[in-house]
PDB file of N, CA and C in Angstrom:
ATOM      1  N   UNK A   1      98.479  86.913  67.341  1.00  0.00           N
ATOM      2  CA  UNK A   1      99.251  88.123  67.492  1.00  0.00           C
ATOM      3  C   UNK A   1      98.726  89.172  66.529  1.00  0.00           C
ATOM      4  N   UNK A   2      98.987  90.399  66.855  1.00  0.00           N
ATOM      5  CA  UNK A   2      98.475  91.483  66.028  1.00  0.00           C
ATOM      6  C   UNK A   2      99.035  91.448  64.617  1.00  0.00           C
ATOM      7  N   UNK A   3     100.310  91.147  64.492  1.00  0.00           N
ATOM      8  CA  UNK A   3     100.898  91.124  63.149  1.00  0.00           C
ATOM      9  C   UNK A   3     100.303  90.001  62.306  1.00  0.00           C
ATOM     10  N   UNK A   4      99.933  88.900  62.932  1.00  0.00           N
ATOM     11  CA  UNK A   4      99.288  87.809  62.197  1.00  0.00           C
ATOM     12  C   UNK A   4      97.881  88.192  61.747  1.00  0.00           C
ATOM     13  N   UNK A   5      97.264  89.112  62.473  1.00  0.00           N
ATOM     14  CA  UNK A   5      95.921  89.579  62.107  1.00  0.00           C
ATOM     15  C   UNK A   5      95.994  90.783  61.173  1.00  0.00           C
ATOM     16  N   UNK A   6      97.179  91.080  60.700  1.00  0.00           N
ATOM     17  CA  UNK A   6      97.433  92.186  59.768  1.00  0.00           C
ATOM     18  C   UNK A   6      97.067  93.539  60.349  1.00  0.00           C
ATOM     19  N   UNK A   7      97.254  93.680  61.653  1.00  0.00           N
ATOM     20  CA  UNK A   7      97.064  94.980  62.295  1.00  0.00           C
ATOM     21  C   UNK A   7      98.323  95.811  62.089  1.00  0.00           C
ATOM     22  N   UNK A   8      98.153  97.104  61.930  1.00  0.00           N
ATOM     23  CA  UNK A   8      99.290  98.003  61.755  1.00  0.00           C
ATOM     24  C   UNK A   8      99.842  98.357  63.130  1.00  0.00           C
ATOM     25  N   UNK A   9     101.113  98.088  63.323  1.00  0.00           N
ATOM     26  CA  UNK A   9     101.776  98.392  64.593  1.00  0.00           C
ATOM     27  C   UNK A   9     102.864  99.412  64.306  1.00  0.00           C
ATOM     28  N   UNK A  10     102.672 100.613  64.776  1.00  0.00           N
ATOM     29  CA  UNK A  10     103.633 101.684  64.533  1.00  0.00           C
ATOM     30  C   UNK A  10     104.652 101.764  65.662  1.00  0.00           C
ATOM     31  N   UNK A  11     105.829 102.251  65.321  1.00  0.00           N
ATOM     32  CA  UNK A  11     106.901 102.391  66.312  1.00  0.00           C
ATOM     33  C   UNK A  11     106.483 103.320  67.445  1.00  0.00           C
ATOM     34  N   UNK A  12     105.718 104.362  67.145  1.00  0.00           N
ATOM     35  CA  UNK A  12     105.289 105.288  68.206  1.00  0.00           C
ATOM     36  C   UNK A  12     104.331 104.615  69.186  1.00  0.00           C
ATOM     37  N   UNK A  13     103.569 103.625  68.729  1.00  0.00           N
ATOM     38  CA  UNK A  13     102.698 102.881  69.639  1.00  0.00           C
ATOM     39  C   UNK A  13     103.529 101.999  70.570  1.00  0.00           C
ATOM     40  N   UNK A  14     104.527 101.354  70.018  1.00  0.00           N
ATOM     41  CA  UNK A  14     105.394 100.494  70.824  1.00  0.00           C
ATOM     42  C   UNK A  14     106.179 101.324  71.833  1.00  0.00           C
ATOM     43  N   UNK A  15     106.601 102.509  71.423  1.00  0.00           N
ATOM     44  CA  UNK A  15     107.366 103.386  72.313  1.00  0.00           C
ATOM     45  C   UNK A  15     106.536 103.845  73.507  1.00  0.00           C
ATOM     46  N   UNK A  16     105.207 103.893  73.342  1.00  0.00           N
ATOM     47  CA  UNK A  16     104.338 104.356  74.425  1.00  0.00           C
ATOM     48  C   UNK A  16     104.041 103.258  75.439  1.00  0.00           C
ATOM     49  N   UNK A  17     104.350 102.010  75.115  1.00  0.00           N
ATOM     50  CA  UNK A  17     104.099 100.909  76.036  1.00  0.00           C
ATOM     51  C   UNK A  17     105.111 100.919  77.163  1.00  0.00           C
ATOM     52  N   UNK A  18     104.684 100.464  78.315  1.00  0.00           N
ATOM     53  CA  UNK A  18     105.606 100.319  79.430  1.00  0.00           C
ATOM     54  C   UNK A  18     105.582  98.868  79.888  1.00  0.00           C
ATOM     55  N   UNK A  19     106.706  98.348  80.303  1.00  0.00           N
ATOM     56  CA  UNK A  19     106.739  96.957  80.758  1.00  0.00           C
ATOM     57  C   UNK A  19     106.006  96.793  82.087  1.00  0.00           C
ATOM     58  N   UNK A  20     105.458  95.622  82.285  1.00  0.00           N
ATOM     59  CA  UNK A  20     104.785  95.310  83.543  1.00  0.00           C
ATOM     60  C   UNK A  20     105.848  94.883  84.540  1.00  0.00           C
ATOM     61  N   UNK A  21     106.163  95.758  85.462  1.00  0.00           N
ATOM     62  CA  UNK A  21     107.205  95.492  86.448  1.00  0.00           C
ATOM     63  C   UNK A  21     106.541  94.922  87.695  1.00  0.00           C
ATOM     64  N   UNK A  22     106.995  93.752  88.128  1.00  0.00           N
ATOM     65  CA  UNK A  22     106.390  93.157  89.316  1.00  0.00           C
ATOM     66  C   UNK A  22     107.434  92.588  90.266  1.00  0.00           C
ATOM     67  N   UNK A  23     108.688  92.944  90.091  1.00  0.00           N
ATOM     68  CA  UNK A  23     109.731  92.425  90.985  1.00  0.00           C
ATOM     69  C   UNK A  23     109.520  92.867  92.424  1.00  0.00           C
ATOM     70  N   UNK A  24     109.103  94.122  92.618  1.00  0.00           N
ATOM     71  CA  UNK A  24     108.982  94.661  93.971  1.00  0.00           C
ATOM     72  C   UNK A  24     107.547  94.623  94.497  1.00  0.00           C
ATOM     73  N   UNK A  25     106.615  94.083  93.714  1.00  0.00           N
ATOM     74  CA  UNK A  25     105.207  94.032  94.120  1.00  0.00           C
ATOM     75  C   UNK A  25     104.774  92.576  94.218  1.00  0.00           C
ATOM     76  N   UNK A  26     104.139  92.234  95.321  1.00  0.00           N
ATOM     77  CA  UNK A  26     103.561  90.894  95.440  1.00  0.00           C
ATOM     78  C   UNK A  26     102.233  90.930  94.700  1.00  0.00           C
ATOM     79  N   UNK A  27     102.176  90.269  93.573  1.00  0.00           N
ATOM     80  CA  UNK A  27     101.036  90.373  92.677  1.00  0.00           C
ATOM     81  C   UNK A  27      99.716  90.032  93.355  1.00  0.00           C
ATOM     82  N   UNK A  28      99.706  89.009  94.165  1.00  0.00           N
ATOM     83  CA  UNK A  28      98.475  88.589  94.818  1.00  0.00           C
ATOM     84  C   UNK A  28      98.423  89.023  96.273  1.00  0.00           C
ATOM     85  N   UNK A  29      99.303  89.890  96.665  1.00  0.00           N
ATOM     86  CA  UNK A  29      99.298  90.426  98.011  1.00  0.00           C
ATOM     87  C   UNK A  29      99.848  89.439  99.023  1.00  0.00           C
ATOM     88  N   UNK A  30      99.853  89.849 100.244  1.00  0.00           N
ATOM     89  CA  UNK A  30     100.304  89.022 101.353  1.00  0.00           C
ATOM     90  C   UNK A  30      99.278  89.210 102.456  1.00  0.00           C
ATOM     91  N   UNK A  31      98.166  88.529 102.331  1.00  0.00           N
ATOM     92  CA  UNK A  31      97.035  88.753 103.214  1.00  0.00           C
ATOM     93  C   UNK A  31      97.016  87.743 104.357  1.00  0.00           C
ATOM     94  N   UNK A  32      96.723  88.253 105.534  1.00  0.00           N
ATOM     95  CA  UNK A  32      96.549  87.411 106.711  1.00  0.00           C
ATOM     96  C   UNK A  32      95.058  87.374 107.003  1.00  0.00           C
ATOM     97  N   UNK A  33      94.484  86.187 107.044  1.00  0.00           N
ATOM     98  CA  UNK A  33      93.051  86.042 107.273  1.00  0.00           C
ATOM     99  C   UNK A  33      92.834  85.413 108.637  1.00  0.00           C
ATOM    100  N   UNK A  34      92.094  86.116 109.484  1.00  0.00           N
ATOM    101  CA  UNK A  34      91.761  85.619 110.811  1.00  0.00           C
ATOM    102  C   UNK A  34      90.264  85.310 110.805  1.00  0.00           C
ATOM    103  N   UNK A  35      89.920  84.046 110.685  1.00  0.00           N
ATOM    104  CA  UNK A  35      88.516  83.660 110.608  1.00  0.00           C
ATOM    105  C   UNK A  35      87.815  83.685 111.964  1.00  0.00           C
ATOM    106  N   UNK A  36      88.559  83.869 113.025  1.00  0.00           N
ATOM    107  CA  UNK A  36      87.955  83.948 114.361  1.00  0.00           C
ATOM    108  C   UNK A  36      87.518  85.365 114.699  1.00  0.00           C
ATOM    109  N   UNK A  37      87.971  86.345 113.963  1.00  0.00           N
ATOM    110  CA  UNK A  37      87.653  87.743 114.224  1.00  0.00           C
ATOM    111  C   UNK A  37      86.972  88.317 112.994  1.00  0.00           C
ATOM    112  N   UNK A  38      85.683  88.019 112.816  1.00  0.00           N
ATOM    113  CA  UNK A  38      84.927  88.481 111.655  1.00  0.00           C
ATOM    114  C   UNK A  38      84.276  89.819 111.997  1.00  0.00           C
ATOM    115  N   UNK A  39      84.524  90.885 111.217  1.00  0.00           N
ATOM    116  CA  UNK A  39      83.945  92.199 111.518  1.00  0.00           C
ATOM    117  C   UNK A  39      82.442  92.221 111.263  1.00  0.00           C
ATOM    118  N   UNK A  40      81.760  93.101 111.986  1.00  0.00           N
ATOM    119  CA  UNK A  40      80.332  93.265 111.806  1.00  0.00           C
ATOM    120  C   UNK A  40      80.070  94.013 110.508  1.00  0.00           C
ATOM    121  N   UNK A  41      78.954  93.717 109.813  1.00  0.00           N
ATOM    122  CA  UNK A  41      78.643  94.424 108.540  1.00  0.00           C
ATOM    123  C   UNK A  41      78.266  95.868 108.761  1.00  0.00           C
TER     124      UNK A  41
END
């Protein structure tokens, strides 16, 4: 962790961070793969 490495962590830096919200996003997508219909290059 940064504090264990004696890095200075200021409150203004923490305030600028945003949480990683993934409730409404499928992180790995929802992909349908049709191996019988391969597009031409």
